[in-house]
N, C-alpha and C. Protein backbone atom coordinates (compact mmCIF):
# COMPACT_ATOMS: atom_id res chain seq x y z
N MET A 1 0.89 -1.22 0.01
CA MET A 1 -0.08 -0.02 -0.02
C MET A 1 0.86 1.23 0.01
N GLN A 2 1.94 1.30 0.78
CA GLN A 2 2.85 2.39 0.83
C GLN A 2 3.48 2.65 -0.58
N GLN A 3 3.85 1.61 -1.24
CA GLN A 3 4.44 1.70 -2.58
C GLN A 3 3.49 2.39 -3.55
N LEU A 4 2.23 2.06 -3.51
CA LEU A 4 1.10 2.60 -4.37
C LEU A 4 1.04 4.09 -4.01
N LYS A 5 1.05 4.44 -2.74
CA LYS A 5 0.93 5.75 -2.31
C LYS A 5 2.05 6.59 -2.77
N HIS A 6 3.19 6.08 -2.63
CA HIS A 6 4.41 6.77 -3.13
C HIS A 6 4.47 7.02 -4.66
N LEU A 7 4.01 5.98 -5.47
CA LEU A 7 3.89 6.13 -6.83
C LEU A 7 2.91 7.17 -7.25
N ILE A 8 1.70 7.27 -6.67
CA ILE A 8 0.82 8.19 -6.89
C ILE A 8 1.22 9.57 -6.58
N GLU A 9 1.90 9.75 -5.41
CA GLU A 9 2.44 11.00 -5.05
C GLU A 9 3.53 11.53 -6.03
N LYS A 10 4.33 10.62 -6.51
CA LYS A 10 5.42 11.03 -7.34
C LYS A 10 4.91 11.40 -8.70
N SER A 11 3.90 10.56 -9.17
CA SER A 11 3.45 10.88 -10.62
C SER A 11 2.42 12.08 -10.66
N ALA A 12 1.94 12.57 -9.51
CA ALA A 12 0.98 13.58 -9.42
C ALA A 12 1.66 14.95 -9.31
N PHE A 13 2.86 15.04 -9.93
CA PHE A 13 3.66 16.34 -9.98
C PHE A 13 4.26 16.79 -8.71
N GLY A 14 3.76 16.32 -7.49
CA GLY A 14 4.28 16.82 -6.27
C GLY A 14 3.90 18.25 -5.81
N VAL A 15 2.82 18.76 -6.43
CA VAL A 15 2.50 20.09 -6.14
C VAL A 15 1.97 20.24 -4.62
N CYS A 16 1.08 19.30 -4.26
CA CYS A 16 0.55 19.35 -2.83
C CYS A 16 1.64 18.99 -1.87
N THR A 17 2.59 18.08 -2.20
CA THR A 17 3.70 17.77 -1.29
C THR A 17 4.51 19.10 -1.13
N PHE A 18 4.87 19.68 -2.19
CA PHE A 18 5.77 20.86 -2.12
C PHE A 18 5.01 21.89 -1.25
N TRP A 19 3.73 22.25 -1.44
CA TRP A 19 3.17 23.27 -0.66
C TRP A 19 3.02 22.81 0.79
N GLY A 20 2.80 21.51 0.97
CA GLY A 20 2.71 21.01 2.41
C GLY A 20 4.01 21.21 3.13
N GLN A 21 5.16 20.89 2.55
CA GLN A 21 6.42 21.05 3.07
C GLN A 21 6.76 22.58 3.29
N TYR A 22 6.40 23.29 2.29
CA TYR A 22 6.73 24.82 2.40
C TYR A 22 5.91 25.51 3.41
N LEU A 23 4.63 25.12 3.58
CA LEU A 23 3.76 25.89 4.55
C LEU A 23 3.71 25.05 5.96
N GLY A 24 4.29 23.87 6.06
CA GLY A 24 4.27 23.15 7.24
C GLY A 24 2.95 22.61 7.62
N ILE A 25 2.26 22.17 6.59
CA ILE A 25 0.82 21.65 6.72
C ILE A 25 0.94 20.20 6.20
N ALA A 26 0.13 19.33 6.75
CA ALA A 26 0.06 17.98 6.28
C ALA A 26 -0.44 17.98 4.82
N THR A 27 0.31 17.06 3.96
CA THR A 27 -0.09 17.03 2.56
C THR A 27 -1.59 16.48 2.38
N SER A 28 -1.87 15.60 3.20
CA SER A 28 -3.26 14.96 3.09
C SER A 28 -4.34 16.10 3.23
N LYS A 29 -4.14 17.06 4.06
CA LYS A 29 -5.16 18.22 4.29
C LYS A 29 -5.14 19.09 3.12
N ILE A 30 -3.98 19.32 2.55
CA ILE A 30 -3.86 20.18 1.27
C ILE A 30 -4.71 19.47 0.09
N ARG A 31 -4.47 18.16 -0.05
CA ARG A 31 -5.15 17.43 -1.03
C ARG A 31 -6.62 17.52 -0.79
N LEU A 32 -6.99 17.34 0.40
CA LEU A 32 -8.48 17.28 0.67
C LEU A 32 -9.11 18.64 0.47
N TYR A 33 -8.38 19.72 0.86
CA TYR A 33 -8.94 21.03 0.61
C TYR A 33 -9.01 21.40 -0.98
N PHE A 34 -8.02 20.89 -1.67
CA PHE A 34 -7.90 21.05 -3.11
C PHE A 34 -9.23 20.28 -3.68
N ILE A 35 -9.48 19.13 -3.24
CA ILE A 35 -10.71 18.43 -3.78
C ILE A 35 -11.90 19.11 -3.52
N TYR A 36 -12.04 19.65 -2.31
CA TYR A 36 -13.30 20.33 -1.91
C TYR A 36 -13.49 21.61 -2.68
N ILE A 37 -12.36 22.33 -2.87
CA ILE A 37 -12.51 23.60 -3.50
C ILE A 37 -12.79 23.34 -5.07
N SER A 38 -12.24 22.33 -5.60
CA SER A 38 -12.44 21.90 -7.03
C SER A 38 -13.85 21.58 -7.32
N MET A 39 -14.48 20.83 -6.24
CA MET A 39 -15.94 20.51 -6.47
C MET A 39 -16.87 21.68 -6.27
N LEU A 40 -16.39 22.73 -5.34
CA LEU A 40 -17.31 23.83 -5.20
C LEU A 40 -17.22 24.89 -6.26
N THR A 41 -16.05 24.98 -6.90
CA THR A 41 -15.90 25.85 -8.02
C THR A 41 -15.93 25.27 -9.45
N MET A 42 -16.43 24.10 -9.49
CA MET A 42 -16.60 23.42 -10.77
C MET A 42 -15.21 23.17 -11.50
N GLY A 43 -14.22 22.96 -10.73
CA GLY A 43 -12.81 22.47 -11.32
C GLY A 43 -11.92 23.56 -11.70
N SER A 44 -12.19 24.84 -11.42
CA SER A 44 -11.27 25.85 -11.86
C SER A 44 -9.89 25.83 -11.15
N PRO A 45 -9.72 25.36 -9.94
CA PRO A 45 -8.46 25.20 -9.31
C PRO A 45 -7.51 24.23 -10.03
N ILE A 46 -8.05 23.43 -10.92
CA ILE A 46 -7.22 22.46 -11.75
C ILE A 46 -6.33 23.23 -12.69
N VAL A 47 -6.71 24.36 -13.07
CA VAL A 47 -5.80 25.24 -13.88
C VAL A 47 -4.67 25.71 -13.10
N ILE A 48 -4.88 26.16 -11.87
CA ILE A 48 -3.89 26.63 -10.94
C ILE A 48 -3.00 25.46 -10.58
N TYR A 49 -3.44 24.25 -10.40
CA TYR A 49 -2.64 23.10 -10.02
C TYR A 49 -1.77 22.74 -11.22
N LEU A 50 -2.27 22.83 -12.45
CA LEU A 50 -1.41 22.62 -13.56
C LEU A 50 -0.32 23.60 -13.80
N PHE A 51 -0.69 24.87 -13.44
CA PHE A 51 0.37 25.99 -13.52
C PHE A 51 1.40 25.72 -12.56
N PHE A 52 1.11 25.31 -11.34
CA PHE A 52 2.11 25.09 -10.28
C PHE A 52 2.89 23.93 -10.73
N ALA A 53 2.32 22.89 -11.23
CA ALA A 53 3.04 21.66 -11.75
C ALA A 53 4.10 21.99 -12.73
N PHE A 54 3.67 22.85 -13.74
CA PHE A 54 4.64 23.29 -14.74
C PHE A 54 5.74 24.09 -14.21
N TRP A 55 5.38 24.93 -13.20
CA TRP A 55 6.39 25.82 -12.54
C TRP A 55 7.38 25.05 -11.76
N LEU A 56 6.91 24.03 -11.05
CA LEU A 56 7.87 23.12 -10.18
C LEU A 56 8.75 22.39 -11.19
N ASN A 57 8.24 21.84 -12.23
CA ASN A 57 8.94 21.05 -13.21
C ASN A 57 10.06 21.91 -13.86
N PHE A 58 9.62 23.07 -14.28
CA PHE A 58 10.53 24.14 -14.88
C PHE A 58 11.66 24.40 -13.98
N LYS A 59 11.37 24.66 -12.65
CA LYS A 59 12.36 25.04 -11.64
C LYS A 59 13.31 23.84 -11.42
N LYS A 60 12.82 22.63 -11.38
CA LYS A 60 13.64 21.47 -11.24
C LYS A 60 14.59 21.40 -12.45
N HIS A 61 14.19 21.54 -13.67
CA HIS A 61 15.01 21.50 -14.83
C HIS A 61 16.06 22.49 -14.85
N MET A 62 15.69 23.77 -14.34
CA MET A 62 16.72 24.88 -14.31
C MET A 62 17.83 24.61 -13.38
N ARG A 63 17.40 23.97 -12.29
CA ARG A 63 18.51 23.59 -11.29
C ARG A 63 19.46 22.55 -11.83
N ARG A 64 18.96 21.66 -12.53
CA ARG A 64 19.87 20.69 -13.19
C ARG A 64 20.76 21.29 -14.23
N ARG A 65 20.24 22.21 -14.91
CA ARG A 65 21.04 22.91 -16.09
C ARG A 65 22.17 23.79 -15.49
N TYR A 66 21.85 24.56 -14.45
CA TYR A 66 22.84 25.38 -13.90
C TYR A 66 23.74 24.64 -12.95
N ASN A 67 25.05 24.67 -13.29
CA ASN A 67 26.08 23.97 -12.56
C ASN A 67 27.18 25.00 -12.19
N PRO A 68 27.25 25.56 -11.04
CA PRO A 68 28.27 26.49 -10.68
C PRO A 68 29.72 25.97 -10.78
N VAL A 69 29.92 24.72 -10.71
CA VAL A 69 31.27 24.14 -10.82
C VAL A 69 31.78 24.32 -12.24
N VAL A 70 30.91 24.18 -13.18
CA VAL A 70 31.38 24.37 -14.69
C VAL A 70 31.74 25.66 -14.87
N ASP A 71 31.09 26.80 -14.34
CA ASP A 71 31.39 28.12 -14.66
C ASP A 71 32.64 28.54 -14.26
């Protein structure tokens, strides 16, 4: 069960995990609030979630590219 949970968390871009660690809130609560807000607003937070996923992925790739040892 833990392996399945880890796989889902890793493949779901890690947006909720990032915000949970950044704000010091449990990741499960952030996911739950995201689901509730998505249902109340007819899914508009999904656009925000995808934006954050793109931003985190872009940030990760920029860190890999920049290597101060090579400079």
